[in-house]
Amino acid sequence: MALTTAAQSRTSFDLKSASLPVVAVVLKTTDAAQFAADLAERVADAPGFFDNDPVLIDLAAVREAEAPIDFAAIVAELRRRSTLPVAVRGGNPAQMDAARAAGLAVAPDAPPARAEAPAPEVREVIREVVREVEVVREVPMPGPGTVVVDKPLRSGQQVYARGADLVVMAVVSFGAEVIADGNIHVYAPLRGRAIAGARGNTEARIFSTCLEPQLVSIAGIYRTTETELPADVRGKPAQVRLDGEKLIIEPLA
């Protein structure tokens, strides 16, 4: 009877490897208060797009920092923003020990990016750009999909195309907000806020037949109406894309 019970217990579950999407947060400061303030500002640009997503904290940018990191405060702030911090990577031994003490698992460091060797005079610059982009690209995008909105969006309304492109066939009014993990197409005046690549897709773009936005953002890089648009794109067909960490706004041919 004991043998039968043991055999049954061994078949009550299976152990399998799994690959899950995570949001990587590249920590650039050891100051937990500064991190909390910056996170609040970033989330304000796209409220509601975190949905209890698992988070990996990347410490590569602060590995050489001497100041200790208050992981308990950082984890609490991330949880407050509807994320689930689960692991850490890239830190020095003291940082990793502190992270483990805060209940975080240790993940392997990111593999080095493979690319042709650049010329010596630009190697360091490209290395820095790759380090910033690699963790953003590691968030896998779901299969292709498109959300289509036919009605005008009034002030205070928000549409979020999770894991998809967003196509809006009517005006996006001042005070309205359109968010997509992929591209955003507005075949009408875009006067509100448009946030493409909301989960880090640096290849996402924003297109509009009449560009007059309060704010445009791609993968967290944003521009507001405090900086007036050039005359060749203001109120005209235009696209917004990323070039490194710079937003490029150009006319549609």
C-alpha atoms as a PDB file:
ATOM      1  CA  MET A   1       0.000   0.000   0.000  1.00  0.00           C
ATOM      2  CA  ALA A   2       2.891   2.352   0.792  1.00  0.00           C
ATOM      3  CA  LEU A   3       4.400   1.701  -2.625  1.00  0.00           C
ATOM      4  CA  THR A   4       1.099   2.448  -4.360  1.00  0.00           C
ATOM      5  CA  THR A   5       0.698   5.728  -2.493  1.00  0.00           C
ATOM      6  CA  ALA A   6       4.244   6.802  -3.365  1.00  0.00           C
ATOM      7  CA  ALA A   7       3.701   5.992  -7.029  1.00  0.00           C
ATOM      8  CA  GLN A   8       0.497   8.006  -7.102  1.00  0.00           C
ATOM      9  CA  SER A   9       2.194  11.008  -5.466  1.00  0.00           C
ATOM     10  CA  ARG A  10       4.922  10.974  -8.095  1.00  0.00           C
ATOM     11  CA  THR A  11       2.316  11.321 -10.873  1.00  0.00           C
ATOM     12  CA  SER A  12       0.303  14.141  -9.310  1.00  0.00           C
ATOM     13  CA  PHE A  13       2.415  16.793 -11.084  1.00  0.00           C
ATOM     14  CA  ASP A  14       5.040  17.280 -13.793  1.00  0.00           C
ATOM     15  CA  LEU A  15       8.131  19.481 -13.791  1.00  0.00           C
ATOM     16  CA  LYS A  16       8.821  21.265 -17.060  1.00  0.00           C
ATOM     17  CA  SER A  17      10.910  24.214 -18.103  1.00  0.00           C
ATOM     18  CA  ALA A  18       8.972  27.320 -19.117  1.00  0.00           C
ATOM     19  CA  SER A  19       9.749  30.558 -20.896  1.00  0.00           C
ATOM     20  CA  LEU A  20       7.695  33.510 -19.690  1.00  0.00           C
ATOM     21  CA  PRO A  21       7.670  37.156 -20.797  1.00  0.00           C
ATOM     22  CA  VAL A  22       9.079  39.570 -18.230  1.00  0.00           C
ATOM     23  CA  VAL A  23       9.503  43.309 -18.069  1.00  0.00           C
ATOM     24  CA  ALA A  24      13.142  44.220 -17.459  1.00  0.00           C
ATOM     25  CA  VAL A  25      13.720  47.319 -15.327  1.00  0.00           C
ATOM     26  CA  VAL A  26      17.241  48.672 -15.835  1.00  0.00           C
ATOM     27  CA  LEU A  27      18.117  50.364 -12.556  1.00  0.00           C
ATOM     28  CA  LYS A  28      20.260  53.468 -13.134  1.00  0.00           C
ATOM     29  CA  THR A  29      20.349  54.783  -9.574  1.00  0.00           C
ATOM     30  CA  THR A  30      20.819  53.341  -6.103  1.00  0.00           C
ATOM     31  CA  ASP A  31      18.531  56.031  -4.675  1.00  0.00           C
ATOM     32  CA  ALA A  32      15.181  54.330  -4.022  1.00  0.00           C
ATOM     33  CA  ALA A  33      13.373  57.665  -3.572  1.00  0.00           C
ATOM     34  CA  GLN A  34      14.622  58.936  -6.935  1.00  0.00           C
ATOM     35  CA  PHE A  35      13.619  55.648  -8.555  1.00  0.00           C
ATOM     36  CA  ALA A  36      10.118  55.948  -7.090  1.00  0.00           C
ATOM     37  CA  ALA A  37       9.731  59.509  -8.387  1.00  0.00           C
ATOM     38  CA  ASP A  38      10.968  58.612 -11.871  1.00  0.00           C
ATOM     39  CA  LEU A  39       8.764  55.521 -12.012  1.00  0.00           C
ATOM     40  CA  ALA A  40       5.706  57.553 -11.031  1.00  0.00           C
ATOM     41  CA  GLU A  41       6.462  60.047 -13.820  1.00  0.00           C
ATOM     42  CA  ARG A  42       6.986  57.285 -16.392  1.00  0.00           C
ATOM     43  CA  VAL A  43       3.796  55.437 -15.456  1.00  0.00           C
ATOM     44  CA  ALA A  44       1.854  58.705 -15.615  1.00  0.00           C
ATOM     45  CA  ASP A  45       2.536  58.731 -19.366  1.00  0.00           C
ATOM     46  CA  ALA A  46       0.772  55.376 -19.780  1.00  0.00           C
ATOM     47  CA  PRO A  47      -1.449  54.591 -16.793  1.00  0.00           C
ATOM     48  CA  GLY A  48      -2.873  51.094 -16.643  1.00  0.00           C
ATOM     49  CA  PHE A  49      -0.553  49.247 -18.998  1.00  0.00           C
ATOM     50  CA  PHE A  50       1.058  47.218 -16.211  1.00  0.00           C
ATOM     51  CA  ASP A  51      -1.112  44.232 -15.328  1.00  0.00           C
ATOM     52  CA  ASN A  52       0.729  42.307 -12.601  1.00  0.00           C
ATOM     53  CA  ASP A  53       3.596  41.707 -15.034  1.00  0.00           C
ATOM     54  CA  PRO A  54       6.629  39.828 -13.677  1.00  0.00           C
ATOM     55  CA  VAL A  55       9.671  42.109 -13.425  1.00  0.00           C
ATOM     56  CA  LEU A  56      13.391  41.421 -13.678  1.00  0.00           C
ATOM     57  CA  ILE A  57      15.585  44.107 -12.075  1.00  0.00           C
ATOM     58  CA  ASP A  58      18.799  44.626 -14.046  1.00  0.00           C
ATOM     59  CA  LEU A  59      21.690  46.072 -12.012  1.00  0.00           C
ATOM     60  CA  ALA A  60      24.324  46.253 -14.759  1.00  0.00           C
ATOM     61  CA  ALA A  61      24.235  50.061 -14.844  1.00  0.00           C
ATOM     62  CA  VAL A  62      24.814  50.382 -11.058  1.00  0.00           C
ATOM     63  CA  ARG A  63      27.112  47.399 -10.549  1.00  0.00           C
ATOM     64  CA  GLU A  64      30.078  49.646  -9.646  1.00  0.00           C
ATOM     65  CA  ALA A  65      28.072  51.879  -7.296  1.00  0.00           C
ATOM     66  CA  GLU A  66      29.280  51.988  -3.700  1.00  0.00           C
ATOM     67  CA  ALA A  67      25.967  53.057  -2.154  1.00  0.00           C
ATOM     68  CA  PRO A  68      23.731  50.188  -1.001  1.00  0.00           C
ATOM     69  CA  ILE A  69      20.419  49.548  -2.722  1.00  0.00           C
ATOM     70  CA  ASP A  70      17.226  49.446  -0.674  1.00  0.00           C
ATOM     71  CA  PHE A  71      15.658  46.498  -2.500  1.00  0.00           C
ATOM     72  CA  ALA A  72      12.727  46.334  -0.091  1.00  0.00           C
ATOM     73  CA  ALA A  73      11.729  49.910  -1.020  1.00  0.00           C
ATOM     74  CA  ILE A  74      12.221  49.307  -4.741  1.00  0.00           C
ATOM     75  CA  VAL A  75      10.237  46.069  -4.671  1.00  0.00           C
ATOM     76  CA  ALA A  76       7.437  47.765  -2.725  1.00  0.00           C
ATOM     77  CA  GLU A  77       7.291  50.610  -5.253  1.00  0.00           C
ATOM     78  CA  LEU A  78       7.175  48.214  -8.207  1.00  0.00           C
ATOM     79  CA  ARG A  79       4.369  46.240  -6.572  1.00  0.00           C
ATOM     80  CA  ARG A  80       2.493  49.485  -6.011  1.00  0.00           C
ATOM     81  CA  ARG A  81       2.619  49.998  -9.790  1.00  0.00           C
ATOM     82  CA  SER A  82       0.925  46.633 -10.512  1.00  0.00           C
ATOM     83  CA  THR A  83       4.080  44.655 -11.247  1.00  0.00           C
ATOM     84  CA  LEU A  84       5.516  41.539  -9.601  1.00  0.00           C
ATOM     85  CA  PRO A  85       9.290  41.780  -8.998  1.00  0.00           C
ATOM     86  CA  VAL A  86      10.643  38.241  -9.124  1.00  0.00           C
ATOM     87  CA  ALA A  87      14.353  38.307  -9.965  1.00  0.00           C
ATOM     88  CA  VAL A  88      17.519  40.349 -10.233  1.00  0.00           C
ATOM     89  CA  ARG A  89      20.649  40.127 -12.349  1.00  0.00           C
ATOM     90  CA  GLY A  90      23.875  41.905 -13.201  1.00  0.00           C
ATOM     91  CA  GLY A  91      24.826  43.188  -9.749  1.00  0.00           C
ATOM     92  CA  ASN A  92      28.017  42.822  -7.741  1.00  0.00           C
ATOM     93  CA  PRO A  93      28.171  40.150  -4.997  1.00  0.00           C
ATOM     94  CA  ALA A  94      27.013  42.507  -2.232  1.00  0.00           C
ATOM     95  CA  GLN A  95      24.073  43.729  -4.315  1.00  0.00           C
ATOM     96  CA  MET A  96      23.031  40.201  -5.232  1.00  0.00           C
ATOM     97  CA  ASP A  97      23.190  39.114  -1.578  1.00  0.00           C
ATOM     98  CA  ALA A  98      20.996  42.065  -0.607  1.00  0.00           C
ATOM     99  CA  ALA A  99      18.544  41.228  -3.395  1.00  0.00           C
ATOM    100  CA  ARG A 100      18.318  37.609  -2.238  1.00  0.00           C
ATOM    101  CA  ALA A 101      17.680  38.817   1.319  1.00  0.00           C
ATOM    102  CA  ALA A 102      14.755  40.843  -0.074  1.00  0.00           C
ATOM    103  CA  GLY A 103      13.253  37.685  -1.556  1.00  0.00           C
ATOM    104  CA  LEU A 104      14.370  38.106  -5.174  1.00  0.00           C
ATOM    105  CA  ALA A 105      15.665  35.208  -7.233  1.00  0.00           C
ATOM    106  CA  VAL A 106      18.989  35.457  -9.075  1.00  0.00           C
ATOM    107  CA  ALA A 107      18.755  35.348 -12.875  1.00  0.00           C
ATOM    108  CA  PRO A 108      21.684  34.796 -15.256  1.00  0.00           C
ATOM    109  CA  ASP A 109      23.275  37.826 -16.833  1.00  0.00           C
ATOM    110  CA  ALA A 110      22.114  38.860 -20.289  1.00  0.00           C
ATOM    111  CA  PRO A 111      24.101  37.267 -23.122  1.00  0.00           C
ATOM    112  CA  PRO A 112      26.385  39.664 -24.986  1.00  0.00           C
ATOM    113  CA  ALA A 113      24.922  41.167 -28.133  1.00  0.00           C
ATOM    114  CA  ARG A 114      26.265  39.694 -31.357  1.00  0.00           C
ATOM    115  CA  ALA A 115      27.208  42.194 -33.993  1.00  0.00           C
ATOM    116  CA  GLU A 116      29.964  43.000 -36.427  1.00  0.00           C
ATOM    117  CA  ALA A 117      32.893  44.749 -34.766  1.00  0.00           C
ATOM    118  CA  PRO A 118      32.471  48.525 -35.152  1.00  0.00           C
ATOM    119  CA  ALA A 119      35.269  50.906 -35.848  1.00  0.00           C
ATOM    120  CA  PRO A 120      37.415  51.592 -32.718  1.00  0.00           C
ATOM    121  CA  GLU A 121      36.356  55.228 -32.426  1.00  0.00           C
ATOM    122  CA  VAL A 122      32.654  54.356 -32.105  1.00  0.00           C
ATOM    123  CA  ARG A 123      32.865  51.017 -30.281  1.00  0.00           C
ATOM    124  CA  GLU A 124      32.241  52.454 -26.798  1.00  0.00           C
ATOM    125  CA  VAL A 125      29.250  54.520 -27.911  1.00  0.00           C
ATOM    126  CA  ILE A 126      27.611  51.553 -29.627  1.00  0.00           C
ATOM    127  CA  ARG A 127      28.240  49.341 -26.619  1.00  0.00           C
ATOM    128  CA  GLU A 128      26.366  51.783 -24.406  1.00  0.00           C
ATOM    129  CA  VAL A 129      23.425  51.932 -26.814  1.00  0.00           C
ATOM    130  CA  VAL A 130      23.250  48.139 -27.061  1.00  0.00           C
ATOM    131  CA  ARG A 131      23.254  47.784 -23.280  1.00  0.00           C
ATOM    132  CA  GLU A 132      20.276  50.119 -22.993  1.00  0.00           C
ATOM    133  CA  VAL A 133      18.310  48.464 -25.788  1.00  0.00           C
ATOM    134  CA  GLU A 134      18.971  44.772 -25.183  1.00  0.00           C
ATOM    135  CA  VAL A 135      16.765  44.427 -22.133  1.00  0.00           C
ATOM    136  CA  VAL A 136      13.970  46.314 -23.837  1.00  0.00           C
ATOM    137  CA  ARG A 137      14.060  43.926 -26.768  1.00  0.00           C
ATOM    138  CA  GLU A 138      13.991  40.876 -24.538  1.00  0.00           C
ATOM    139  CA  VAL A 139      10.301  41.403 -23.754  1.00  0.00           C
ATOM    140  CA  PRO A 140       8.648  39.120 -26.360  1.00  0.00           C
ATOM    141  CA  MET A 141       5.760  40.604 -28.281  1.00  0.00           C
ATOM    142  CA  PRO A 142       2.633  38.472 -28.694  1.00  0.00           C
ATOM    143  CA  GLY A 143       1.489  37.401 -32.147  1.00  0.00           C
ATOM    144  CA  PRO A 144       0.319  39.979 -34.660  1.00  0.00           C
ATOM    145  CA  GLY A 145      -2.951  41.703 -33.880  1.00  0.00           C
ATOM    146  CA  THR A 146      -4.743  44.974 -34.525  1.00  0.00           C
ATOM    147  CA  VAL A 147      -7.334  46.881 -32.538  1.00  0.00           C
ATOM    148  CA  VAL A 148      -9.529  49.181 -34.648  1.00  0.00           C
ATOM    149  CA  VAL A 149     -11.467  52.105 -33.150  1.00  0.00           C
ATOM    150  CA  ASP A 150     -14.106  53.720 -35.391  1.00  0.00           C
ATOM    151  CA  LYS A 151     -15.473  56.359 -33.035  1.00  0.00           C
ATOM    152  CA  PRO A 152     -13.932  59.694 -31.971  1.00  0.00           C
ATOM    153  CA  LEU A 153     -12.112  59.660 -28.642  1.00  0.00           C
ATOM    154  CA  ARG A 154     -13.092  62.509 -26.346  1.00  0.00           C
ATOM    155  CA  SER A 155     -11.080  64.103 -23.552  1.00  0.00           C
ATOM    156  CA  GLY A 156     -10.597  61.661 -20.667  1.00  0.00           C
ATOM    157  CA  GLN A 157     -11.080  58.533 -22.803  1.00  0.00           C
ATOM    158  CA  GLN A 158      -8.285  56.002 -23.162  1.00  0.00           C
ATOM    159  CA  VAL A 159      -7.747  53.023 -25.470  1.00  0.00           C
ATOM    160  CA  TYR A 160      -4.942  50.507 -24.919  1.00  0.00           C
ATOM    161  CA  ALA A 161      -4.105  47.872 -27.576  1.00  0.00           C
ATOM    162  CA  ARG A 162      -2.317  45.293 -25.464  1.00  0.00           C
ATOM    163  CA  GLY A 163       0.067  43.178 -27.535  1.00  0.00           C
ATOM    164  CA  ALA A 164      -1.214  44.717 -30.764  1.00  0.00           C
ATOM    165  CA  ASP A 165      -1.220  47.668 -33.146  1.00  0.00           C
ATOM    166  CA  LEU A 166      -3.910  50.330 -32.748  1.00  0.00           C
ATOM    167  CA  VAL A 167      -5.795  51.873 -35.666  1.00  0.00           C
ATOM    168  CA  VAL A 168      -8.050  54.877 -34.964  1.00  0.00           C
ATOM    169  CA  MET A 169     -10.338  56.005 -37.785  1.00  0.00           C
ATOM    170  CA  ALA A 170     -11.595  59.173 -36.076  1.00  0.00           C
ATOM    171  CA  VAL A 171     -10.221  62.154 -34.192  1.00  0.00           C
ATOM    172  CA  VAL A 172      -8.246  61.671 -30.966  1.00  0.00           C
ATOM    173  CA  SER A 173      -9.284  64.796 -29.087  1.00  0.00           C
ATOM    174  CA  PHE A 174      -7.170  66.891 -26.743  1.00  0.00           C
ATOM    175  CA  GLY A 175      -7.114  65.067 -23.387  1.00  0.00           C
ATOM    176  CA  ALA A 176      -7.735  61.611 -24.903  1.00  0.00           C
ATOM    177  CA  GLU A 177      -5.064  58.911 -24.844  1.00  0.00           C
ATOM    178  CA  VAL A 178      -4.189  56.075 -27.231  1.00  0.00           C
ATOM    179  CA  ILE A 179      -1.692  53.408 -26.150  1.00  0.00           C
ATOM    180  CA  ALA A 180      -0.380  50.365 -28.018  1.00  0.00           C
ATOM    181  CA  ASP A 181       2.330  47.780 -27.517  1.00  0.00           C
ATOM    182  CA  GLY A 182       2.862  48.015 -31.278  1.00  0.00           C
ATOM    183  CA  ASN A 183       2.272  50.810 -33.792  1.00  0.00           C
ATOM    184  CA  ILE A 184      -0.397  53.516 -33.640  1.00  0.00           C
ATOM    185  CA  HIS A 185      -2.192  54.692 -36.795  1.00  0.00           C
ATOM    186  CA  VAL A 186      -4.579  57.651 -36.560  1.00  0.00           C
ATOM    187  CA  TYR A 187      -6.387  58.415 -39.822  1.00  0.00           C
ATOM    188  CA  ALA A 188      -7.691  61.710 -38.470  1.00  0.00           C
ATOM    189  CA  PRO A 189      -6.360  64.565 -36.327  1.00  0.00           C
ATOM    190  CA  LEU A 190      -4.222  63.318 -33.440  1.00  0.00           C
ATOM    191  CA  ARG A 191      -4.574  65.975 -30.731  1.00  0.00           C
ATOM    192  CA  GLY A 192      -4.281  63.934 -27.541  1.00  0.00           C
ATOM    193  CA  ARG A 193      -1.538  61.644 -26.232  1.00  0.00           C
ATOM    194  CA  ALA A 194      -0.149  58.761 -28.310  1.00  0.00           C
ATOM    195  CA  ILE A 195       2.079  56.141 -26.660  1.00  0.00           C
ATOM    196  CA  ALA A 196       3.423  53.422 -28.958  1.00  0.00           C
ATOM    197  CA  GLY A 197       5.752  50.572 -28.004  1.00  0.00           C
ATOM    198  CA  ALA A 198       4.334  50.830 -24.490  1.00  0.00           C
ATOM    199  CA  ARG A 199       6.124  47.675 -23.328  1.00  0.00           C
ATOM    200  CA  GLY A 200       9.471  48.560 -24.817  1.00  0.00           C
ATOM    201  CA  ASN A 201       9.127  47.880 -28.550  1.00  0.00           C
ATOM    202  CA  THR A 202      11.688  50.342 -29.942  1.00  0.00           C
ATOM    203  CA  GLU A 203      10.624  49.550 -33.520  1.00  0.00           C
ATOM    204  CA  ALA A 204       7.085  50.856 -32.976  1.00  0.00           C
ATOM    205  CA  ARG A 205       5.932  53.972 -34.813  1.00  0.00           C
ATOM    206  CA  ILE A 206       3.141  56.533 -34.679  1.00  0.00           C
ATOM    207  CA  PHE A 207       1.389  57.605 -37.885  1.00  0.00           C
ATOM    208  CA  SER A 208      -1.233  60.317 -38.300  1.00  0.00           C
ATOM    209  CA  THR A 209      -2.826  62.147 -41.206  1.00  0.00           C
ATOM    210  CA  CYS A 210      -2.920  65.288 -39.040  1.00  0.00           C
ATOM    211  CA  LEU A 211      -0.287  65.443 -36.308  1.00  0.00           C
ATOM    212  CA  GLU A 212      -1.201  67.904 -33.521  1.00  0.00           C
ATOM    213  CA  PRO A 213      -0.483  65.886 -30.344  1.00  0.00           C
ATOM    214  CA  GLN A 214      -0.186  66.835 -26.697  1.00  0.00           C
ATOM    215  CA  LEU A 215       2.393  64.106 -26.318  1.00  0.00           C
ATOM    216  CA  VAL A 216       3.980  61.376 -28.410  1.00  0.00           C
ATOM    217  CA  SER A 217       6.011  58.554 -26.893  1.00  0.00           C
ATOM    218  CA  ILE A 218       7.761  55.439 -28.179  1.00  0.00           C
ATOM    219  CA  ALA A 219       9.244  52.890 -25.755  1.00  0.00           C
ATOM    220  CA  GLY A 220       9.319  55.496 -22.988  1.00  0.00           C
ATOM    221  CA  ILE A 221      11.005  58.264 -25.007  1.00  0.00           C
ATOM    222  CA  TYR A 222       8.545  61.127 -25.234  1.00  0.00           C
ATOM    223  CA  ARG A 223       8.001  64.657 -26.503  1.00  0.00           C
ATOM    224  CA  THR A 224       5.312  67.096 -25.393  1.00  0.00           C
ATOM    225  CA  THR A 225       3.781  70.210 -26.894  1.00  0.00           C
ATOM    226  CA  GLU A 226       6.156  72.296 -24.789  1.00  0.00           C
ATOM    227  CA  THR A 227       8.461  71.814 -27.797  1.00  0.00           C
ATOM    228  CA  GLU A 228       6.549  73.048 -30.835  1.00  0.00           C
ATOM    229  CA  LEU A 229       6.502  70.762 -33.847  1.00  0.00           C
ATOM    230  CA  PRO A 230       8.255  71.912 -37.032  1.00  0.00           C
ATOM    231  CA  ALA A 231       6.012  73.525 -39.638  1.00  0.00           C
ATOM    232  CA  ASP A 232       6.536  70.695 -42.130  1.00  0.00           C
ATOM    233  CA  VAL A 233       4.799  68.182 -39.811  1.00  0.00           C
ATOM    234  CA  ARG A 234       2.491  70.255 -37.598  1.00  0.00           C
ATOM    235  CA  GLY A 235      -1.102  69.527 -38.600  1.00  0.00           C
ATOM    236  CA  LYS A 236       0.078  67.436 -41.552  1.00  0.00           C
ATOM    237  CA  PRO A 237       0.529  63.717 -42.371  1.00  0.00           C
ATOM    238  CA  ALA A 238       3.582  62.585 -40.413  1.00  0.00           C
ATOM    239  CA  GLN A 239       5.203  59.695 -38.598  1.00  0.00           C
ATOM    240  CA  VAL A 240       7.117  59.405 -35.324  1.00  0.00           C
ATOM    241  CA  ARG A 241       9.915  56.860 -34.888  1.00  0.00           C
ATOM    242  CA  LEU A 242      12.952  56.226 -32.701  1.00  0.00           C
ATOM    243  CA  ASP A 243      16.551  56.675 -33.732  1.00  0.00           C
ATOM    244  CA  GLY A 244      18.533  55.417 -30.767  1.00  0.00           C
ATOM    245  CA  GLU A 245      17.114  57.429 -27.877  1.00  0.00           C
ATOM    246  CA  LYS A 246      15.921  60.323 -30.037  1.00  0.00           C
ATOM    247  CA  LEU A 247      12.407  60.777 -31.385  1.00  0.00           C
ATOM    248  CA  ILE A 248      12.318  61.546 -35.098  1.00  0.00           C
ATOM    249  CA  ILE A 249       9.208  63.289 -36.434  1.00  0.00           C
ATOM    250  CA  GLU A 250       9.056  63.498 -40.208  1.00  0.00           C
ATOM    251  CA  PRO A 251       6.509  64.081 -42.986  1.00  0.00           C
ATOM    252  CA  LEU A 252       4.809  61.129 -44.647  1.00  0.00           C
ATOM    253  CA  ALA A 253       5.737  60.977 -48.306  1.00  0.00           C
END
